[in-house]
């Protein structure tokens, strides 16, 4: 008996759209139906490269797909995800899930009401699992996260909080196994109309987190320090290094793990398995909702 192939469409023909297109075109369980991007040249170029169709509207693409991957600009994630769900498509949304709480709430509601898989692209979770921190019984007392990049126009449609810090917000909730009861933050604009630097303090029942993010830094860096009752863990996500003085069984060579090497591929594989086989996803609609809600609260405003 021939196994059903999942009909998947792609929204967005930019950098991340290109990454996703490569994964879809080579997956044995996927029929890469086509791509939509408002830029005709970009979508045609990507469609030709992978032997698929360039669609003129997202609605036309949704109507012939089982599932959609959203790699379009962040401000469009919410509206596009809502439209895809209303077309009964399963959806993999690049982070952030949405840039407004209203859209995030509607995505969460539609996912439940229509029984559709929604997975959000907080890829650093695969790194945490490769390290083995998801199996640690202790809860952190304090987390310090630093995430910085040099300036680029890409991502400037929303705040640095929703663009970069959102990764660390999600990891804090994952590691704390909780959502914060207190959120405070400051931000400033530098090169774009949206905040380019931000600092946040999150307070949980069992501990706290201090997060900083900048997309106008002189250098690139992605580090996290996690303080447990039994010791401290230091992770460099960029260099894929780990130091710790805890009794935990952690993989210091996590960078060799396939999920950490190619977290985008791991996320794609998990999404496809969830739709075809009903297996769970690592980053649910609820997880994506909380990360977006917390980031928007840090900013103190929404970006649409």
C-alpha atoms as a PDB file:
ATOM      1  CA  UNK A   1       0.000   0.000   0.000  1.00  0.00           C
ATOM      2  CA  UNK A   2       1.389   3.389  -0.993  1.00  0.00           C
ATOM      3  CA  UNK A   3       1.865   5.747   1.938  1.00  0.00           C
ATOM      4  CA  UNK A   4       0.047   9.047   1.700  1.00  0.00           C
ATOM      5  CA  UNK A   5       2.272  12.007   0.893  1.00  0.00           C
ATOM      6  CA  UNK A   6       1.509  15.226   2.718  1.00  0.00           C
ATOM      7  CA  UNK A   7       0.658  18.134   0.416  1.00  0.00           C
ATOM      8  CA  UNK A   8       2.609  21.079   1.829  1.00  0.00           C
ATOM      9  CA  UNK A   9       2.753  24.693   0.676  1.00  0.00           C
ATOM     10  CA  UNK A  10       5.200  27.430   1.622  1.00  0.00           C
ATOM     11  CA  UNK A  11       4.555  31.099   2.351  1.00  0.00           C
ATOM     12  CA  UNK A  12       7.628  33.274   1.961  1.00  0.00           C
ATOM     13  CA  UNK A  13      10.447  33.125  -0.590  1.00  0.00           C
ATOM     14  CA  UNK A  14      13.092  34.929   1.444  1.00  0.00           C
ATOM     15  CA  UNK A  15      16.103  33.472   3.253  1.00  0.00           C
ATOM     16  CA  UNK A  16      14.141  31.194   5.592  1.00  0.00           C
ATOM     17  CA  UNK A  17      11.694  30.346   2.837  1.00  0.00           C
ATOM     18  CA  UNK A  18      14.635  29.042   0.833  1.00  0.00           C
ATOM     19  CA  UNK A  19      15.762  26.855   3.732  1.00  0.00           C
ATOM     20  CA  UNK A  20      12.276  25.413   4.145  1.00  0.00           C
ATOM     21  CA  UNK A  21      11.865  24.854   0.413  1.00  0.00           C
ATOM     22  CA  UNK A  22      14.968  22.675   0.377  1.00  0.00           C
ATOM     23  CA  UNK A  23      13.626  20.534   3.230  1.00  0.00           C
ATOM     24  CA  UNK A  24      10.207  20.120   1.624  1.00  0.00           C
ATOM     25  CA  UNK A  25      11.511  19.307  -1.852  1.00  0.00           C
ATOM     26  CA  UNK A  26      13.731  16.504  -0.541  1.00  0.00           C
ATOM     27  CA  UNK A  27      11.328  14.936   1.973  1.00  0.00           C
ATOM     28  CA  UNK A  28      10.073  11.477   0.944  1.00  0.00           C
ATOM     29  CA  UNK A  29       6.690  11.927   2.629  1.00  0.00           C
ATOM     30  CA  UNK A  30       5.949  15.362   1.172  1.00  0.00           C
ATOM     31  CA  UNK A  31       4.549  16.699  -2.068  1.00  0.00           C
ATOM     32  CA  UNK A  32       5.848  20.268  -2.259  1.00  0.00           C
ATOM     33  CA  UNK A  33       2.730  21.836  -3.781  1.00  0.00           C
ATOM     34  CA  UNK A  34       4.003  25.357  -4.270  1.00  0.00           C
ATOM     35  CA  UNK A  35       5.070  28.700  -2.874  1.00  0.00           C
ATOM     36  CA  UNK A  36       3.485  32.112  -2.457  1.00  0.00           C
ATOM     37  CA  UNK A  37       5.298  35.390  -1.898  1.00  0.00           C
ATOM     38  CA  UNK A  38       3.992  38.870  -2.770  1.00  0.00           C
ATOM     39  CA  UNK A  39       7.209  39.405  -4.746  1.00  0.00           C
ATOM     40  CA  UNK A  40       6.597  37.658  -8.115  1.00  0.00           C
ATOM     41  CA  UNK A  41      10.291  37.395  -8.996  1.00  0.00           C
ATOM     42  CA  UNK A  42      11.229  35.773  -5.692  1.00  0.00           C
ATOM     43  CA  UNK A  43       8.423  33.225  -5.719  1.00  0.00           C
ATOM     44  CA  UNK A  44       9.023  32.331  -9.378  1.00  0.00           C
ATOM     45  CA  UNK A  45      12.742  31.878  -8.777  1.00  0.00           C
ATOM     46  CA  UNK A  46      12.171  29.626  -5.762  1.00  0.00           C
ATOM     47  CA  UNK A  47       9.447  27.626  -7.512  1.00  0.00           C
ATOM     48  CA  UNK A  48      11.658  27.046 -10.550  1.00  0.00           C
ATOM     49  CA  UNK A  49      14.595  25.997  -8.384  1.00  0.00           C
ATOM     50  CA  UNK A  50      12.578  23.247  -6.699  1.00  0.00           C
ATOM     51  CA  UNK A  51      10.272  22.280  -9.557  1.00  0.00           C
ATOM     52  CA  UNK A  52       7.060  23.448  -7.959  1.00  0.00           C
ATOM     53  CA  UNK A  53       4.312  26.015  -8.645  1.00  0.00           C
ATOM     54  CA  UNK A  54       4.335  29.729  -7.821  1.00  0.00           C
ATOM     55  CA  UNK A  55       0.893  30.753  -6.600  1.00  0.00           C
ATOM     56  CA  UNK A  56      -0.548  34.232  -7.123  1.00  0.00           C
ATOM     57  CA  UNK A  57      -2.355  34.383  -3.740  1.00  0.00           C
ATOM     58  CA  UNK A  58      -1.976  32.640  -0.403  1.00  0.00           C
ATOM     59  CA  UNK A  59      -5.659  31.666  -0.495  1.00  0.00           C
ATOM     60  CA  UNK A  60      -5.134  29.740  -3.742  1.00  0.00           C
ATOM     61  CA  UNK A  61      -2.212  27.891  -2.149  1.00  0.00           C
ATOM     62  CA  UNK A  62      -4.135  27.065   1.039  1.00  0.00           C
ATOM     63  CA  UNK A  63      -7.037  25.612  -0.953  1.00  0.00           C
ATOM     64  CA  UNK A  64      -4.925  22.754  -2.365  1.00  0.00           C
ATOM     65  CA  UNK A  65      -2.731  21.946   0.661  1.00  0.00           C
ATOM     66  CA  UNK A  66      -2.927  19.736   3.741  1.00  0.00           C
ATOM     67  CA  UNK A  67      -0.324  21.813   5.557  1.00  0.00           C
ATOM     68  CA  UNK A  68       1.423  25.168   5.292  1.00  0.00           C
ATOM     69  CA  UNK A  69       4.807  26.445   6.443  1.00  0.00           C
ATOM     70  CA  UNK A  70       4.864  30.174   7.203  1.00  0.00           C
ATOM     71  CA  UNK A  71       8.240  31.796   6.563  1.00  0.00           C
ATOM     72  CA  UNK A  72       6.843  35.197   5.609  1.00  0.00           C
ATOM     73  CA  UNK A  73       7.506  38.462   7.522  1.00  0.00           C
ATOM     74  CA  UNK A  74       6.702  38.284  11.247  1.00  0.00           C
ATOM     75  CA  UNK A  75       3.898  40.854  11.076  1.00  0.00           C
ATOM     76  CA  UNK A  76       2.068  38.555   8.655  1.00  0.00           C
ATOM     77  CA  UNK A  77       2.410  35.364  10.710  1.00  0.00           C
ATOM     78  CA  UNK A  78      -0.799  35.903  12.650  1.00  0.00           C
ATOM     79  CA  UNK A  79      -3.150  36.793   9.768  1.00  0.00           C
ATOM     80  CA  UNK A  80      -1.672  34.128   7.466  1.00  0.00           C
ATOM     81  CA  UNK A  81      -1.863  31.414  10.127  1.00  0.00           C
ATOM     82  CA  UNK A  82      -5.487  32.300  10.853  1.00  0.00           C
ATOM     83  CA  UNK A  83      -6.367  32.117   7.148  1.00  0.00           C
ATOM     84  CA  UNK A  84      -4.551  28.802   6.767  1.00  0.00           C
ATOM     85  CA  UNK A  85      -6.347  27.286   9.762  1.00  0.00           C
ATOM     86  CA  UNK A  86      -9.696  28.504   8.443  1.00  0.00           C
ATOM     87  CA  UNK A  87      -8.818  26.611   5.248  1.00  0.00           C
ATOM     88  CA  UNK A  88      -8.316  23.508   7.445  1.00  0.00           C
ATOM     89  CA  UNK A  89      -4.548  23.419   6.936  1.00  0.00           C
ATOM     90  CA  UNK A  90      -2.077  22.294   9.575  1.00  0.00           C
ATOM     91  CA  UNK A  91       0.486  25.051  10.159  1.00  0.00           C
ATOM     92  CA  UNK A  92       4.170  25.333  11.022  1.00  0.00           C
ATOM     93  CA  UNK A  93       4.809  28.980  11.907  1.00  0.00           C
ATOM     94  CA  UNK A  94       8.273  30.466  12.110  1.00  0.00           C
ATOM     95  CA  UNK A  95       8.719  32.464  15.309  1.00  0.00           C
ATOM     96  CA  UNK A  96       7.078  34.584  16.504  1.00  0.00           C
ATOM     97  CA  UNK A  97       3.672  32.923  16.340  1.00  0.00           C
ATOM     98  CA  UNK A  98       2.066  36.362  15.987  1.00  0.00           C
ATOM     99  CA  UNK A  99       2.810  40.009  16.720  1.00  0.00           C
ATOM    100  CA  UNK A 100      -0.518  40.689  18.441  1.00  0.00           C
ATOM    101  CA  UNK A 101      -2.099  38.881  21.372  1.00  0.00           C
ATOM    102  CA  UNK A 102      -5.457  38.860  19.597  1.00  0.00           C
ATOM    103  CA  UNK A 103      -4.022  36.940  16.629  1.00  0.00           C
ATOM    104  CA  UNK A 104      -2.136  34.544  18.907  1.00  0.00           C
ATOM    105  CA  UNK A 105      -5.328  33.824  20.843  1.00  0.00           C
ATOM    106  CA  UNK A 106      -7.264  33.176  17.631  1.00  0.00           C
ATOM    107  CA  UNK A 107      -4.597  30.791  16.336  1.00  0.00           C
ATOM    108  CA  UNK A 108      -4.732  28.882  19.616  1.00  0.00           C
ATOM    109  CA  UNK A 109      -8.530  28.733  19.476  1.00  0.00           C
ATOM    110  CA  UNK A 110      -8.661  27.634  15.819  1.00  0.00           C
ATOM    111  CA  UNK A 111      -6.040  24.957  16.398  1.00  0.00           C
ATOM    112  CA  UNK A 112      -8.179  23.411  19.126  1.00  0.00           C
ATOM    113  CA  UNK A 113     -11.536  23.953  17.443  1.00  0.00           C
ATOM    114  CA  UNK A 114     -10.507  22.552  14.061  1.00  0.00           C
ATOM    115  CA  UNK A 115      -8.169  19.893  15.474  1.00  0.00           C
ATOM    116  CA  UNK A 116      -5.241  21.131  13.397  1.00  0.00           C
ATOM    117  CA  UNK A 117      -1.565  20.782  14.255  1.00  0.00           C
ATOM    118  CA  UNK A 118       0.112  24.110  14.979  1.00  0.00           C
ATOM    119  CA  UNK A 119       3.849  24.049  15.595  1.00  0.00           C
ATOM    120  CA  UNK A 120       5.942  27.163  16.244  1.00  0.00           C
ATOM    121  CA  UNK A 121       9.560  27.553  15.140  1.00  0.00           C
ATOM    122  CA  UNK A 122      11.333  28.005  18.466  1.00  0.00           C
ATOM    123  CA  UNK A 123      14.198  25.830  17.229  1.00  0.00           C
ATOM    124  CA  UNK A 124      16.478  26.240  20.274  1.00  0.00           C
ATOM    125  CA  UNK A 125      14.300  23.700  22.101  1.00  0.00           C
ATOM    126  CA  UNK A 126      15.913  20.982  19.997  1.00  0.00           C
ATOM    127  CA  UNK A 127      19.314  22.119  21.266  1.00  0.00           C
ATOM    128  CA  UNK A 128      18.144  21.989  24.895  1.00  0.00           C
ATOM    129  CA  UNK A 129      16.904  18.440  24.320  1.00  0.00           C
ATOM    130  CA  UNK A 130      20.146  17.429  22.621  1.00  0.00           C
ATOM    131  CA  UNK A 131      22.013  18.646  25.708  1.00  0.00           C
ATOM    132  CA  UNK A 132      19.677  16.674  27.989  1.00  0.00           C
ATOM    133  CA  UNK A 133      18.354  19.570  30.064  1.00  0.00           C
ATOM    134  CA  UNK A 134      14.752  18.538  29.418  1.00  0.00           C
ATOM    135  CA  UNK A 135      15.407  15.440  31.562  1.00  0.00           C
ATOM    136  CA  UNK A 136      16.760  17.360  34.577  1.00  0.00           C
ATOM    137  CA  UNK A 137      14.466  17.064  37.605  1.00  0.00           C
ATOM    138  CA  UNK A 138      15.583  20.327  39.222  1.00  0.00           C
ATOM    139  CA  UNK A 139      14.092  23.709  38.367  1.00  0.00           C
ATOM    140  CA  UNK A 140      16.467  26.629  37.735  1.00  0.00           C
ATOM    141  CA  UNK A 141      16.840  29.331  40.367  1.00  0.00           C
ATOM    142  CA  UNK A 142      18.102  31.898  37.885  1.00  0.00           C
ATOM    143  CA  UNK A 143      18.554  32.154  34.120  1.00  0.00           C
ATOM    144  CA  UNK A 144      20.568  34.816  32.313  1.00  0.00           C
ATOM    145  CA  UNK A 145      20.186  34.969  28.539  1.00  0.00           C
ATOM    146  CA  UNK A 146      22.116  37.161  26.115  1.00  0.00           C
ATOM    147  CA  UNK A 147      21.252  37.229  22.431  1.00  0.00           C
ATOM    148  CA  UNK A 148      22.806  39.753  20.065  1.00  0.00           C
ATOM    149  CA  UNK A 149      23.435  40.275  16.369  1.00  0.00           C
ATOM    150  CA  UNK A 150      24.827  42.960  14.117  1.00  0.00           C
ATOM    151  CA  UNK A 151      22.360  45.150  12.280  1.00  0.00           C
ATOM    152  CA  UNK A 152      20.391  43.775   9.337  1.00  0.00           C
ATOM    153  CA  UNK A 153      17.167  45.012   7.743  1.00  0.00           C
ATOM    154  CA  UNK A 154      15.762  41.480   7.964  1.00  0.00           C
ATOM    155  CA  UNK A 155      13.508  41.178  11.015  1.00  0.00           C
ATOM    156  CA  UNK A 156      13.044  44.933  11.299  1.00  0.00           C
ATOM    157  CA  UNK A 157       9.299  44.630  10.750  1.00  0.00           C
ATOM    158  CA  UNK A 158       8.919  43.806  14.438  1.00  0.00           C
ATOM    159  CA  UNK A 159      10.744  44.364  17.737  1.00  0.00           C
ATOM    160  CA  UNK A 160      14.000  42.707  18.803  1.00  0.00           C
ATOM    161  CA  UNK A 161      11.953  41.139  21.591  1.00  0.00           C
ATOM    162  CA  UNK A 162       9.753  39.259  19.125  1.00  0.00           C
ATOM    163  CA  UNK A 163      12.619  38.741  16.684  1.00  0.00           C
ATOM    164  CA  UNK A 164      15.462  37.500  18.942  1.00  0.00           C
ATOM    165  CA  UNK A 165      14.566  37.503  22.629  1.00  0.00           C
ATOM    166  CA  UNK A 166      11.542  35.311  21.915  1.00  0.00           C
ATOM    167  CA  UNK A 167      13.892  32.291  21.719  1.00  0.00           C
ATOM    168  CA  UNK A 168      15.113  32.822  25.276  1.00  0.00           C
ATOM    169  CA  UNK A 169      11.630  33.627  26.560  1.00  0.00           C
ATOM    170  CA  UNK A 170      10.463  30.265  25.238  1.00  0.00           C
ATOM    171  CA  UNK A 171      13.456  28.432  26.724  1.00  0.00           C
ATOM    172  CA  UNK A 172      12.875  30.026  30.132  1.00  0.00           C
ATOM    173  CA  UNK A 173       9.270  28.816  30.171  1.00  0.00           C
ATOM    174  CA  UNK A 174      10.407  25.361  29.051  1.00  0.00           C
ATOM    175  CA  UNK A 175      13.149  25.078  31.684  1.00  0.00           C
ATOM    176  CA  UNK A 176      11.081  26.622  34.490  1.00  0.00           C
ATOM    177  CA  UNK A 177       8.099  24.455  33.447  1.00  0.00           C
ATOM    178  CA  UNK A 178       5.974  27.505  34.141  1.00  0.00           C
ATOM    179  CA  UNK A 179       5.007  30.934  32.850  1.00  0.00           C
ATOM    180  CA  UNK A 180       6.149  34.081  34.689  1.00  0.00           C
ATOM    181  CA  UNK A 181       3.818  35.779  37.157  1.00  0.00           C
ATOM    182  CA  UNK A 182       5.712  39.057  36.795  1.00  0.00           C
ATOM    183  CA  UNK A 183       7.076  40.619  33.589  1.00  0.00           C
ATOM    184  CA  UNK A 184       9.024  43.871  33.300  1.00  0.00           C
ATOM    185  CA  UNK A 185      11.216  45.276  30.587  1.00  0.00           C
ATOM    186  CA  UNK A 186      12.772  48.228  28.834  1.00  0.00           C
ATOM    187  CA  UNK A 187      13.589  48.749  25.176  1.00  0.00           C
ATOM    188  CA  UNK A 188      14.993  51.358  22.822  1.00  0.00           C
ATOM    189  CA  UNK A 189      14.967  52.067  19.108  1.00  0.00           C
ATOM    190  CA  UNK A 190      18.260  52.663  17.308  1.00  0.00           C
ATOM    191  CA  UNK A 191      18.166  51.899  13.574  1.00  0.00           C
ATOM    192  CA  UNK A 192      14.523  50.964  12.988  1.00  0.00           C
ATOM    193  CA  UNK A 193      11.123  52.293  14.130  1.00  0.00           C
ATOM    194  CA  UNK A 194      10.846  49.185  16.355  1.00  0.00           C
ATOM    195  CA  UNK A 195      12.856  48.431  19.513  1.00  0.00           C
ATOM    196  CA  UNK A 196      16.367  47.263  18.563  1.00  0.00           C
ATOM    197  CA  UNK A 197      17.599  46.669  22.117  1.00  0.00           C
ATOM    198  CA  UNK A 198      15.646  45.190  25.010  1.00  0.00           C
ATOM    199  CA  UNK A 199      16.103  43.962  28.553  1.00  0.00           C
ATOM    200  CA  UNK A 200      13.568  41.926  30.504  1.00  0.00           C
ATOM    201  CA  UNK A 201      13.111  40.470  33.964  1.00  0.00           C
ATOM    202  CA  UNK A 202      10.775  37.500  34.333  1.00  0.00           C
ATOM    203  CA  UNK A 203       9.777  36.194  37.752  1.00  0.00           C
ATOM    204  CA  UNK A 204       8.543  32.631  38.175  1.00  0.00           C
ATOM    205  CA  UNK A 205       7.364  30.725  41.244  1.00  0.00           C
ATOM    206  CA  UNK A 206      10.716  28.975  41.591  1.00  0.00           C
ATOM    207  CA  UNK A 207      13.152  31.506  40.173  1.00  0.00           C
ATOM    208  CA  UNK A 208      13.833  34.415  37.858  1.00  0.00           C
ATOM    209  CA  UNK A 209      15.308  35.259  34.477  1.00  0.00           C
ATOM    210  CA  UNK A 210      17.169  38.270  33.138  1.00  0.00           C
ATOM    211  CA  UNK A 211      17.227  38.509  29.352  1.00  0.00           C
ATOM    212  CA  UNK A 212      18.920  41.000  27.057  1.00  0.00           C
ATOM    213  CA  UNK A 213      18.732  41.203  23.285  1.00  0.00           C
ATOM    214  CA  UNK A 214      20.228  43.504  20.674  1.00  0.00           C
ATOM    215  CA  UNK A 215      20.244  43.499  16.884  1.00  0.00           C
ATOM    216  CA  UNK A 216      22.573  46.501  16.680  1.00  0.00           C
ATOM    217  CA  UNK A 217      25.547  44.953  18.489  1.00  0.00           C
ATOM    218  CA  UNK A 218      29.172  44.955  17.349  1.00  0.00           C
ATOM    219  CA  UNK A 219      29.292  41.162  17.424  1.00  0.00           C
ATOM    220  CA  UNK A 220      27.049  38.114  17.335  1.00  0.00           C
ATOM    221  CA  UNK A 221      26.398  36.089  20.480  1.00  0.00           C
ATOM    222  CA  UNK A 222      23.886  33.616  21.902  1.00  0.00           C
ATOM    223  CA  UNK A 223      24.665  32.527  25.443  1.00  0.00           C
ATOM    224  CA  UNK A 224      22.650  31.320  28.398  1.00  0.00           C
ATOM    225  CA  UNK A 225      23.658  30.728  32.025  1.00  0.00           C
ATOM    226  CA  UNK A 226      21.341  28.487  34.042  1.00  0.00           C
ATOM    227  CA  UNK A 227      21.794  28.329  37.798  1.00  0.00           C
ATOM    228  CA  UNK A 228      20.375  25.234  39.514  1.00  0.00           C
ATOM    229  CA  UNK A 229      20.509  24.286  43.209  1.00  0.00           C
ATOM    230  CA  UNK A 230      23.117  21.648  42.218  1.00  0.00           C
ATOM    231  CA  UNK A 231      25.308  23.864  40.055  1.00  0.00           C
ATOM    232  CA  UNK A 232      25.546  26.059  36.986  1.00  0.00           C
ATOM    233  CA  UNK A 233      25.236  25.358  33.259  1.00  0.00           C
ATOM    234  CA  UNK A 234      26.726  27.668  30.611  1.00  0.00           C
ATOM    235  CA  UNK A 235      25.605  27.237  26.995  1.00  0.00           C
ATOM    236  CA  UNK A 236      26.946  28.986  23.917  1.00  0.00           C
ATOM    237  CA  UNK A 237      24.346  28.313  21.233  1.00  0.00           C
ATOM    238  CA  UNK A 238      26.453  29.873  18.495  1.00  0.00           C
ATOM    239  CA  UNK A 239      29.687  27.995  19.220  1.00  0.00           C
ATOM    240  CA  UNK A 240      27.735  24.913  20.385  1.00  0.00           C
ATOM    241  CA  UNK A 241      29.724  24.561  23.594  1.00  0.00           C
ATOM    242  CA  UNK A 242      28.639  23.548  27.087  1.00  0.00           C
ATOM    243  CA  UNK A 243      30.262  23.947  30.497  1.00  0.00           C
ATOM    244  CA  UNK A 244      28.761  22.842  33.802  1.00  0.00           C
ATOM    245  CA  UNK A 245      29.590  21.781  37.352  1.00  0.00           C
ATOM    246  CA  UNK A 246      26.363  19.896  38.013  1.00  0.00           C
ATOM    247  CA  UNK A 247      25.781  16.171  38.637  1.00  0.00           C
ATOM    248  CA  UNK A 248      23.445  16.058  35.621  1.00  0.00           C
ATOM    249  CA  UNK A 249      24.147  13.737  32.696  1.00  0.00           C
ATOM    250  CA  UNK A 250      24.530  16.370  29.995  1.00  0.00           C
ATOM    251  CA  UNK A 251      26.014  15.952  26.529  1.00  0.00           C
ATOM    252  CA  UNK A 252      28.961  18.325  26.157  1.00  0.00           C
ATOM    253  CA  UNK A 253      29.209  17.218  22.521  1.00  0.00           C
ATOM    254  CA  UNK A 254      25.606  18.200  21.797  1.00  0.00           C
ATOM    255  CA  UNK A 255      26.753  19.995  18.661  1.00  0.00           C
ATOM    256  CA  UNK A 256      27.207  16.591  17.013  1.00  0.00           C
ATOM    257  CA  UNK A 257      23.574  15.652  17.644  1.00  0.00           C
ATOM    258  CA  UNK A 258      21.603  15.761  14.345  1.00  0.00           C
ATOM    259  CA  UNK A 259      18.775  17.761  15.984  1.00  0.00           C
ATOM    260  CA  UNK A 260      21.212  20.419  17.199  1.00  0.00           C
ATOM    261  CA  UNK A 261      23.140  20.465  13.916  1.00  0.00           C
ATOM    262  CA  UNK A 262      19.993  20.958  11.864  1.00  0.00           C
ATOM    263  CA  UNK A 263      17.217  22.163  14.147  1.00  0.00           C
ATOM    264  CA  UNK A 264      15.197  23.394  11.153  1.00  0.00           C
ATOM    265  CA  UNK A 265      15.275  19.910   9.674  1.00  0.00           C
ATOM    266  CA  UNK A 266      14.323  18.391  13.029  1.00  0.00           C
ATOM    267  CA  UNK A 267      11.372  20.765  13.323  1.00  0.00           C
ATOM    268  CA  UNK A 268      10.191  19.988   9.787  1.00  0.00           C
ATOM    269  CA  UNK A 269      10.427  16.248  10.407  1.00  0.00           C
ATOM    270  CA  UNK A 270       8.496  16.532  13.661  1.00  0.00           C
ATOM    271  CA  UNK A 271       5.763  18.621  12.044  1.00  0.00           C
ATOM    272  CA  UNK A 272       5.277  16.152   9.199  1.00  0.00           C
ATOM    273  CA  UNK A 273       5.162  13.209  11.633  1.00  0.00           C
ATOM    274  CA  UNK A 274       2.643  15.033  13.820  1.00  0.00           C
ATOM    275  CA  UNK A 275       0.288  15.590  10.886  1.00  0.00           C
ATOM    276  CA  UNK A 276       0.652  12.129   9.333  1.00  0.00           C
ATOM    277  CA  UNK A 277       0.988  10.006  12.467  1.00  0.00           C
ATOM    278  CA  UNK A 278      -0.450  12.076  15.304  1.00  0.00           C
ATOM    279  CA  UNK A 279       2.829  12.296  17.230  1.00  0.00           C
ATOM    280  CA  UNK A 280       3.376  15.283  19.556  1.00  0.00           C
ATOM    281  CA  UNK A 281       5.298  18.426  18.617  1.00  0.00           C
ATOM    282  CA  UNK A 282       7.986  20.033  20.768  1.00  0.00           C
ATOM    283  CA  UNK A 283       6.636  23.567  20.437  1.00  0.00           C
ATOM    284  CA  UNK A 284       2.847  23.689  20.609  1.00  0.00           C
ATOM    285  CA  UNK A 285       0.418  26.484  19.794  1.00  0.00           C
ATOM    286  CA  UNK A 286       0.166  27.136  23.538  1.00  0.00           C
ATOM    287  CA  UNK A 287       3.967  27.445  23.813  1.00  0.00           C
ATOM    288  CA  UNK A 288       4.043  29.863  20.887  1.00  0.00           C
ATOM    289  CA  UNK A 289       1.175  31.860  22.343  1.00  0.00           C
ATOM    290  CA  UNK A 290       2.924  32.288  25.706  1.00  0.00           C
ATOM    291  CA  UNK A 291       6.229  33.334  24.115  1.00  0.00           C
ATOM    292  CA  UNK A 292       4.457  35.930  21.963  1.00  0.00           C
ATOM    293  CA  UNK A 293       2.318  37.188  24.851  1.00  0.00           C
ATOM    294  CA  UNK A 294       5.325  37.632  27.138  1.00  0.00           C
ATOM    295  CA  UNK A 295       7.369  39.388  24.423  1.00  0.00           C
ATOM    296  CA  UNK A 296       4.513  41.785  23.672  1.00  0.00           C
ATOM    297  CA  UNK A 297       4.174  42.529  27.390  1.00  0.00           C
ATOM    298  CA  UNK A 298       7.894  43.306  27.588  1.00  0.00           C
ATOM    299  CA  UNK A 299       7.562  45.732  24.671  1.00  0.00           C
ATOM    300  CA  UNK A 300       4.448  47.258  26.175  1.00  0.00           C
ATOM    301  CA  UNK A 301       2.820  47.468  22.741  1.00  0.00           C
ATOM    302  CA  UNK A 302       1.898  45.428  19.692  1.00  0.00           C
ATOM    303  CA  UNK A 303       3.327  45.666  16.172  1.00  0.00           C
ATOM    304  CA  UNK A 304       0.970  45.096  13.239  1.00  0.00           C
END
